[in-house]
Structure formats: C-alpha cells, structure tokens
C-alpha cells in the first residue's frame, strides 16, 4: 500500500499543472491514472462491508443489490473500465446513499476519466459520510493539484493530517512535501 502511495506521489510530483493538457504528457498521465486507480481501489475494497453504513429503512433486496453492484463496480474499476464503473457506483449511492466507499470509488472513476469537478464532488461526499477515508483526501489533493488549484489541494492535505495515525503522519507529510512541491508544505 505504501509503495502505491509513493508511486502516485512521485508521478504527480513530476507533473507541472501548466503542462497537464500537453499531448506529450498524455502517457505520463495514463501511468498516473493507473497508479491512482490501484491505490484508490486497494483502500476502498479493504474496508469491510460492515464498515459501509446502510440506511436503516433499506430493504434487504436493495442492500444485496447495492453490495453486488459495488463488487461489480470494484472489479471494473480494477480492470481500468472506469466509464463502465461510473454508472454502477452511481446506482450504489442511489440505493445506499451512506456508502462512503462507493462515493470514493465513484470519485476515483471520475478522476481517471478526467472529470475533475465530478471527482471532487464525489470525494467530498465520501468525506461527509466518513471523515476517515484517506483515499478521498488523496483524491481531492490529486484532483485539485491536477487542475492547478494549489490552495485547495493544500487545504485537503491539512484536513487529512488529523486523521492520520501518529506513525503515518511524518511519512505522509514527507512524501507529500517531496512529491507535491507546489503545495509548499513544511520540509519542501
């Protein structure tokens, strides 16, 4: 997991936001998306189903359908089939509007497709439901950084710090500082 984060941060750190639409950078962005998708999927699918809250009024069939669609969406996401995963995750959050992990993977899918506005909305919704989803914070940092919203990206880093375990904090901040130099974090 840590190596995936380091690879993601390294890939993002090499990207200059001013060059993000340069066709010569397309291959590098594709690699970035591949690394990011693996990281986001690993975090989201590692959460046990019991950690995904289900609205009490949801009937069993709806819960089963949401779980099945979530699993199918996760499989498509892991295969890089983001366009196909989006409607599945959209249906999951319609059936189970409290599934923070589905919102996070929906955000990851939008991010992979280059729809940064929709990605930001989905990641923010995930964090409204569960402030402990690190992949949503990372997705918000990446989405904002890739769209040259450095102040917003910096703000998401600062919001992520309190949820990190003490043994993670220094490692995350050092990696973020090194790989996202435009953020101007301490130690950069």
Protein backbone atom coordinates (compact mmCIF):
# COMPACT_ATOMS: atom_id res chain seq x y z
CA UNK A 1 0.00 0.00 0.00
CA UNK A 2 2.78 2.41 0.95
CA UNK A 3 4.66 1.75 -2.30
CA UNK A 4 1.48 2.56 -4.27
CA UNK A 5 1.20 5.89 -2.47
CA UNK A 6 4.84 6.69 -3.08
CA UNK A 7 4.47 5.85 -6.80
CA UNK A 8 1.36 8.03 -7.02
CA UNK A 9 3.06 10.93 -5.31
CA UNK A 10 6.15 10.54 -7.46
CA UNK A 11 4.06 10.58 -10.63
CA UNK A 12 2.11 13.64 -9.54
CA UNK A 13 5.24 15.44 -8.43
CA UNK A 14 6.66 15.20 -11.95
CA UNK A 15 3.60 16.86 -13.46
CA UNK A 16 3.57 20.61 -13.86
CA UNK A 17 -0.07 21.76 -13.69
CA UNK A 18 0.60 24.17 -16.56
CA UNK A 19 1.53 21.22 -18.79
CA UNK A 20 -1.34 18.94 -17.84
CA UNK A 21 -3.07 19.33 -21.20
CA UNK A 22 0.14 18.98 -23.24
CA UNK A 23 -0.25 15.92 -25.54
CA UNK A 24 3.35 14.95 -24.84
CA UNK A 25 2.38 14.39 -21.19
CA UNK A 26 -0.53 12.07 -22.06
CA UNK A 27 1.44 8.85 -21.48
CA UNK A 28 2.64 10.08 -18.10
CA UNK A 29 -0.95 10.97 -17.11
CA UNK A 30 -2.08 7.49 -18.17
CA UNK A 31 0.54 5.97 -15.87
CA UNK A 32 -0.57 8.31 -13.08
CA UNK A 33 -4.16 7.20 -13.52
CA UNK A 34 -3.12 3.56 -13.40
CA UNK A 35 -1.19 4.06 -10.15
CA UNK A 36 -4.00 6.14 -8.66
CA UNK A 37 -6.67 3.61 -9.57
CA UNK A 38 -4.75 0.80 -7.88
CA UNK A 39 -4.27 2.86 -4.76
CA UNK A 40 -7.88 4.00 -4.58
CA UNK A 41 -9.22 0.51 -5.19
CA UNK A 42 -6.94 -1.06 -2.60
CA UNK A 43 -8.08 1.39 0.08
CA UNK A 44 -11.78 1.14 -0.77
CA UNK A 45 -12.03 -2.60 -1.14
CA UNK A 46 -10.05 -3.15 2.05
CA UNK A 47 -12.93 -1.67 4.05
CA UNK A 48 -15.18 -4.43 5.33
CA UNK A 49 -18.77 -4.41 4.13
CA UNK A 50 -19.90 -3.85 7.72
CA UNK A 51 -17.98 -0.54 7.73
CA UNK A 52 -20.20 0.75 4.93
CA UNK A 53 -23.27 2.06 6.74
CA UNK A 54 -26.64 1.09 5.32
CA UNK A 55 -29.70 3.25 5.80
CA UNK A 56 -31.99 1.50 8.33
CA UNK A 57 -35.01 1.81 6.05
CA UNK A 58 -33.28 0.00 3.19
CA UNK A 59 -34.86 -3.33 2.39
CA UNK A 60 -32.73 -6.46 2.15
CA UNK A 61 -33.05 -6.75 -1.64
CA UNK A 62 -31.79 -3.19 -2.06
CA UNK A 63 -28.83 -3.87 0.23
CA UNK A 64 -27.98 -7.05 -1.65
CA UNK A 65 -28.26 -5.24 -4.97
CA UNK A 66 -26.05 -2.39 -3.74
CA UNK A 67 -23.42 -4.85 -2.47
CA UNK A 68 -23.48 -6.77 -5.75
CA UNK A 69 -23.19 -3.60 -7.81
CA UNK A 70 -20.40 -2.33 -5.55
CA UNK A 71 -18.45 -5.55 -6.09
CA UNK A 72 -19.01 -5.43 -9.86
CA UNK A 73 -18.03 -1.76 -9.98
CA UNK A 74 -14.90 -2.52 -7.99
CA UNK A 75 -13.97 -5.27 -10.42
CA UNK A 76 -14.49 -2.96 -13.42
CA UNK A 77 -12.52 -0.24 -11.69
CA UNK A 78 -9.61 -2.61 -11.05
CA UNK A 79 -9.67 -3.58 -14.73
CA UNK A 80 -9.45 0.07 -15.78
CA UNK A 81 -13.02 0.11 -17.08
CA UNK A 82 -13.85 3.41 -15.39
CA UNK A 83 -16.53 4.51 -17.86
CA UNK A 84 -18.44 1.29 -17.10
CA UNK A 85 -17.82 1.55 -13.35
CA UNK A 86 -19.33 5.04 -13.06
CA UNK A 87 -23.00 4.08 -13.59
CA UNK A 88 -22.58 1.12 -11.24
CA UNK A 89 -21.23 3.29 -8.43
CA UNK A 90 -23.91 5.89 -9.19
CA UNK A 91 -26.56 3.20 -8.72
CA UNK A 92 -24.91 2.01 -5.49
CA UNK A 93 -25.05 5.50 -4.00
CA UNK A 94 -28.66 5.85 -5.15
CA UNK A 95 -29.57 2.60 -3.38
CA UNK A 96 -27.30 3.21 -0.39
CA UNK A 97 -26.62 6.92 -0.05
CA UNK A 98 -24.46 6.31 3.03
CA UNK A 99 -21.87 4.14 1.27
CA UNK A 100 -18.82 6.39 1.60
CA UNK A 101 -16.53 3.88 -0.13
CA UNK A 102 -18.79 3.83 -3.20
CA UNK A 103 -18.63 7.63 -3.35
CA UNK A 104 -14.83 7.44 -3.06
CA UNK A 105 -14.56 4.93 -5.91
CA UNK A 106 -17.04 6.97 -7.95
CA UNK A 107 -14.70 9.92 -7.41
CA UNK A 108 -11.74 7.78 -8.42
CA UNK A 109 -13.53 6.74 -11.61
CA UNK A 110 -14.33 10.34 -12.49
CA UNK A 111 -10.73 11.29 -11.75
CA UNK A 112 -9.48 8.57 -14.09
CA UNK A 113 -11.80 9.87 -16.83
CA UNK A 114 -10.52 13.41 -16.34
CA UNK A 115 -13.82 14.75 -14.95
CA UNK A 116 -12.17 16.55 -12.04
CA UNK A 117 -15.26 18.53 -10.98
CA UNK A 118 -17.37 15.38 -10.60
CA UNK A 119 -14.44 13.66 -8.87
CA UNK A 120 -14.16 16.46 -6.34
CA UNK A 121 -17.92 16.33 -5.66
CA UNK A 122 -17.85 12.56 -5.10
CA UNK A 123 -14.75 12.66 -2.88
CA UNK A 124 -16.27 15.46 -0.79
CA UNK A 125 -19.49 13.47 -0.36
CA UNK A 126 -17.45 10.45 0.75
CA UNK A 127 -15.81 12.58 3.42
CA UNK A 128 -19.15 13.99 4.57
CA UNK A 129 -20.17 10.42 5.29
CA UNK A 130 -16.86 9.18 6.69
CA UNK A 131 -14.08 11.62 7.53
CA UNK A 132 -11.60 8.75 7.82
CA UNK A 133 -11.35 7.77 4.15
CA UNK A 134 -7.74 8.54 3.27
CA UNK A 135 -8.26 7.75 -0.41
CA UNK A 136 -10.84 10.55 -0.63
CA UNK A 137 -8.33 13.02 0.80
CA UNK A 138 -5.66 11.80 -1.62
CA UNK A 139 -8.14 12.03 -4.49
CA UNK A 140 -9.02 15.60 -3.51
CA UNK A 141 -5.35 16.54 -3.28
CA UNK A 142 -4.71 15.00 -6.71
CA UNK A 143 -7.84 16.45 -8.38
CA UNK A 144 -7.13 19.93 -7.12
CA UNK A 145 -3.40 19.71 -7.84
CA UNK A 146 -4.05 18.50 -11.41
CA UNK A 147 -6.38 21.43 -12.03
CA UNK A 148 -3.90 23.98 -10.66
CA UNK A 149 -5.95 24.65 -7.51
CA UNK A 150 -2.92 24.54 -5.28
CA UNK A 151 -4.54 26.30 -2.31
CA UNK A 152 -7.44 23.83 -2.32
CA UNK A 153 -5.02 20.89 -2.57
CA UNK A 154 -3.03 22.32 0.34
CA UNK A 155 -6.25 22.63 2.35
CA UNK A 156 -7.08 18.95 1.79
CA UNK A 157 -3.61 17.95 2.97
CA UNK A 158 -4.18 19.97 6.15
CA UNK A 159 -7.58 18.34 6.70
CA UNK A 160 -6.09 14.89 6.24
CA UNK A 161 -3.37 15.33 8.88
CA UNK A 162 -5.65 14.91 11.94
CA UNK A 163 -7.00 11.55 10.73
CA UNK A 164 -3.55 10.04 10.24
CA UNK A 165 -2.13 7.74 12.87
CA UNK A 166 0.91 9.23 14.58
CA UNK A 167 3.22 6.72 12.85
CA UNK A 168 1.75 7.70 9.44
CA UNK A 169 1.83 11.47 9.83
CA UNK A 170 5.54 12.10 9.26
CA UNK A 171 5.74 9.63 6.39
CA UNK A 172 2.69 11.10 4.58
CA UNK A 173 3.81 14.69 5.07
CA UNK A 174 7.36 13.95 3.93
CA UNK A 175 6.07 12.19 0.81
CA UNK A 176 3.55 14.93 0.07
CA UNK A 177 6.17 17.62 0.63
CA UNK A 178 8.65 15.92 -1.68
CA UNK A 179 6.22 14.91 -4.40
CA UNK A 180 3.94 17.97 -4.43
CA UNK A 181 6.46 20.81 -4.23
CA UNK A 182 3.92 23.42 -5.32
CA UNK A 183 1.99 22.78 -2.11
CA UNK A 184 4.79 24.39 -0.09
CA UNK A 185 4.40 22.02 2.83
CA UNK A 186 6.95 22.11 5.67
CA UNK A 187 10.09 20.30 4.62
CA UNK A 188 9.74 21.08 0.90
